[in-house]
Amino acid sequence: MTLESLRLVRSILLRSAALCYAFLILSALIWIPLSETWTGLTSSWYHIPPERVNTIVIDFLSVAKFYAIFVLFVPGLAIHWTIKKEESKK
């Protein structure tokens, strides 16, 4: 792979991680004040017990955070360090 293709992959991964975190923060900020309303709607639409809905939301946010960190951010950071090392060799 050339340095240009590594830069492109790095940019995609890091920007995707940033967008994922922005989505997570927005989702949490929307869920917290409206949790009673959303719990009622979700319970009636999907026939989930109301006490289980909050657990599902927290599980989703946790898994999405894990994805953002370990699938997007860490490889992007590793590629960034690889690019810096290759540039310092020149």
C-alpha atoms as a PDB file:
ATOM      1  CA  MET A   1       0.000   0.000   0.000  1.00  0.00           C
ATOM      2  CA  THR A   2       1.169   3.470  -0.723  1.00  0.00           C
ATOM      3  CA  LEU A   3       1.229   6.241   1.842  1.00  0.00           C
ATOM      4  CA  GLU A   4      -1.616   7.981   0.035  1.00  0.00           C
ATOM      5  CA  SER A   5      -3.893   4.966   0.315  1.00  0.00           C
ATOM      6  CA  LEU A   6      -2.951   4.621   4.003  1.00  0.00           C
ATOM      7  CA  ARG A   7      -3.822   8.283   4.535  1.00  0.00           C
ATOM      8  CA  LEU A   8      -7.187   7.728   2.889  1.00  0.00           C
ATOM      9  CA  VAL A   9      -7.987   4.681   5.053  1.00  0.00           C
ATOM     10  CA  ARG A  10      -6.825   6.541   8.173  1.00  0.00           C
ATOM     11  CA  SER A  11      -9.011   9.517   7.386  1.00  0.00           C
ATOM     12  CA  ILE A  12     -12.035   7.316   6.758  1.00  0.00           C
ATOM     13  CA  LEU A  13     -11.561   5.388  10.009  1.00  0.00           C
ATOM     14  CA  LEU A  14     -10.961   8.437  12.196  1.00  0.00           C
ATOM     15  CA  ARG A  15     -13.847  10.405  10.705  1.00  0.00           C
ATOM     16  CA  SER A  16     -16.127   7.400  11.056  1.00  0.00           C
ATOM     17  CA  ALA A  17     -15.135   7.124  14.722  1.00  0.00           C
ATOM     18  CA  ALA A  18     -15.893  10.818  15.244  1.00  0.00           C
ATOM     19  CA  LEU A  19     -19.282  10.490  13.547  1.00  0.00           C
ATOM     20  CA  CYS A  20     -20.079   7.388  15.577  1.00  0.00           C
ATOM     21  CA  TYR A  21     -19.292   9.190  18.826  1.00  0.00           C
ATOM     22  CA  ALA A  22     -21.382  12.184  17.753  1.00  0.00           C
ATOM     23  CA  PHE A  23     -24.268   9.815  17.008  1.00  0.00           C
ATOM     24  CA  LEU A  24     -23.865   8.137  20.403  1.00  0.00           C
ATOM     25  CA  ILE A  25     -23.869  11.442  22.266  1.00  0.00           C
ATOM     26  CA  LEU A  26     -26.891  12.660  20.313  1.00  0.00           C
ATOM     27  CA  SER A  27     -28.732   9.390  20.962  1.00  0.00           C
ATOM     28  CA  ALA A  28     -28.017   9.571  24.686  1.00  0.00           C
ATOM     29  CA  LEU A  29     -29.057  13.229  24.865  1.00  0.00           C
ATOM     30  CA  ILE A  30     -32.322  12.433  23.112  1.00  0.00           C
ATOM     31  CA  TRP A  31     -32.995   9.278  25.146  1.00  0.00           C
ATOM     32  CA  ILE A  32     -32.413  10.705  28.639  1.00  0.00           C
ATOM     33  CA  PRO A  33     -35.106  13.424  28.714  1.00  0.00           C
ATOM     34  CA  LEU A  34     -37.594  11.416  26.669  1.00  0.00           C
ATOM     35  CA  SER A  35     -37.006   7.971  28.193  1.00  0.00           C
ATOM     36  CA  GLU A  36     -40.503   7.673  29.683  1.00  0.00           C
ATOM     37  CA  THR A  37     -42.169   8.478  26.360  1.00  0.00           C
ATOM     38  CA  TRP A  38     -39.814   6.252  24.361  1.00  0.00           C
ATOM     39  CA  THR A  39     -40.166   3.402  26.846  1.00  0.00           C
ATOM     40  CA  GLY A  40     -43.951   3.442  26.459  1.00  0.00           C
ATOM     41  CA  LEU A  41     -43.792   3.574  22.671  1.00  0.00           C
ATOM     42  CA  THR A  42     -41.150   0.877  22.394  1.00  0.00           C
ATOM     43  CA  SER A  43     -43.011  -1.370  24.809  1.00  0.00           C
ATOM     44  CA  SER A  44     -46.218  -1.138  22.833  1.00  0.00           C
ATOM     45  CA  TRP A  45     -44.619  -1.418  19.366  1.00  0.00           C
ATOM     46  CA  TYR A  46     -42.269  -4.320  20.055  1.00  0.00           C
ATOM     47  CA  HIS A  47     -44.055  -5.975  23.000  1.00  0.00           C
ATOM     48  CA  ILE A  48     -41.037  -5.576  25.281  1.00  0.00           C
ATOM     49  CA  PRO A  49     -41.578  -5.192  29.028  1.00  0.00           C
ATOM     50  CA  PRO A  50     -40.968  -1.544  30.039  1.00  0.00           C
ATOM     51  CA  GLU A  51     -38.299  -2.492  32.573  1.00  0.00           C
ATOM     52  CA  ARG A  52     -36.303  -4.250  29.820  1.00  0.00           C
ATOM     53  CA  VAL A  53     -36.248  -1.282  27.391  1.00  0.00           C
ATOM     54  CA  ASN A  54     -33.659   0.724  29.355  1.00  0.00           C
ATOM     55  CA  THR A  55     -31.377  -2.310  29.512  1.00  0.00           C
ATOM     56  CA  ILE A  56     -31.613  -2.737  25.749  1.00  0.00           C
ATOM     57  CA  VAL A  57     -30.781   0.937  25.138  1.00  0.00           C
ATOM     58  CA  ILE A  58     -27.787   0.828  27.485  1.00  0.00           C
ATOM     59  CA  ASP A  59     -26.580  -2.397  25.839  1.00  0.00           C
ATOM     60  CA  PHE A  60     -26.863  -0.786  22.402  1.00  0.00           C
ATOM     61  CA  LEU A  61     -24.944   2.321  23.454  1.00  0.00           C
ATOM     62  CA  SER A  62     -22.250   0.159  25.072  1.00  0.00           C
ATOM     63  CA  VAL A  63     -21.791  -2.038  22.012  1.00  0.00           C
ATOM     64  CA  ALA A  64     -21.728   0.984  19.696  1.00  0.00           C
ATOM     65  CA  LYS A  65     -19.084   2.631  21.904  1.00  0.00           C
ATOM     66  CA  PHE A  66     -17.010  -0.574  21.821  1.00  0.00           C
ATOM     67  CA  TYR A  67     -17.326  -0.600  18.013  1.00  0.00           C
ATOM     68  CA  ALA A  68     -16.311   3.049  17.716  1.00  0.00           C
ATOM     69  CA  ILE A  69     -13.227   2.548  19.853  1.00  0.00           C
ATOM     70  CA  PHE A  70     -11.905  -0.861  18.852  1.00  0.00           C
ATOM     71  CA  VAL A  71     -13.050  -1.183  15.246  1.00  0.00           C
ATOM     72  CA  LEU A  72     -12.707   2.423  14.042  1.00  0.00           C
ATOM     73  CA  PHE A  73     -10.504   4.525  16.330  1.00  0.00           C
ATOM     74  CA  VAL A  74      -7.732   2.077  17.296  1.00  0.00           C
ATOM     75  CA  PRO A  75      -6.961   0.924  13.718  1.00  0.00           C
ATOM     76  CA  GLY A  76      -7.101   4.554  12.557  1.00  0.00           C
ATOM     77  CA  LEU A  77      -4.629   5.532  15.263  1.00  0.00           C
ATOM     78  CA  ALA A  78      -2.351   2.607  14.383  1.00  0.00           C
ATOM     79  CA  ILE A  79      -2.361   3.614  10.718  1.00  0.00           C
ATOM     80  CA  HIS A  80      -1.661   7.216  11.750  1.00  0.00           C
ATOM     81  CA  TRP A  81       1.414   6.106  13.710  1.00  0.00           C
ATOM     82  CA  THR A  82       2.529   3.932  10.790  1.00  0.00           C
ATOM     83  CA  ILE A  83       2.308   6.891   8.423  1.00  0.00           C
ATOM     84  CA  LYS A  84       4.285   9.110  10.813  1.00  0.00           C
ATOM     85  CA  LYS A  85       6.986   6.422  11.146  1.00  0.00           C
ATOM     86  CA  GLU A  86       7.253   5.979   7.361  1.00  0.00           C
ATOM     87  CA  GLU A  87       7.466   9.738   6.848  1.00  0.00           C
ATOM     88  CA  SER A  88      10.239  10.050   9.432  1.00  0.00           C
ATOM     89  CA  LYS A  89      12.306   7.418   7.571  1.00  0.00           C
ATOM     90  CA  LYS A  90      12.397   9.586   4.452  1.00  0.00           C
END
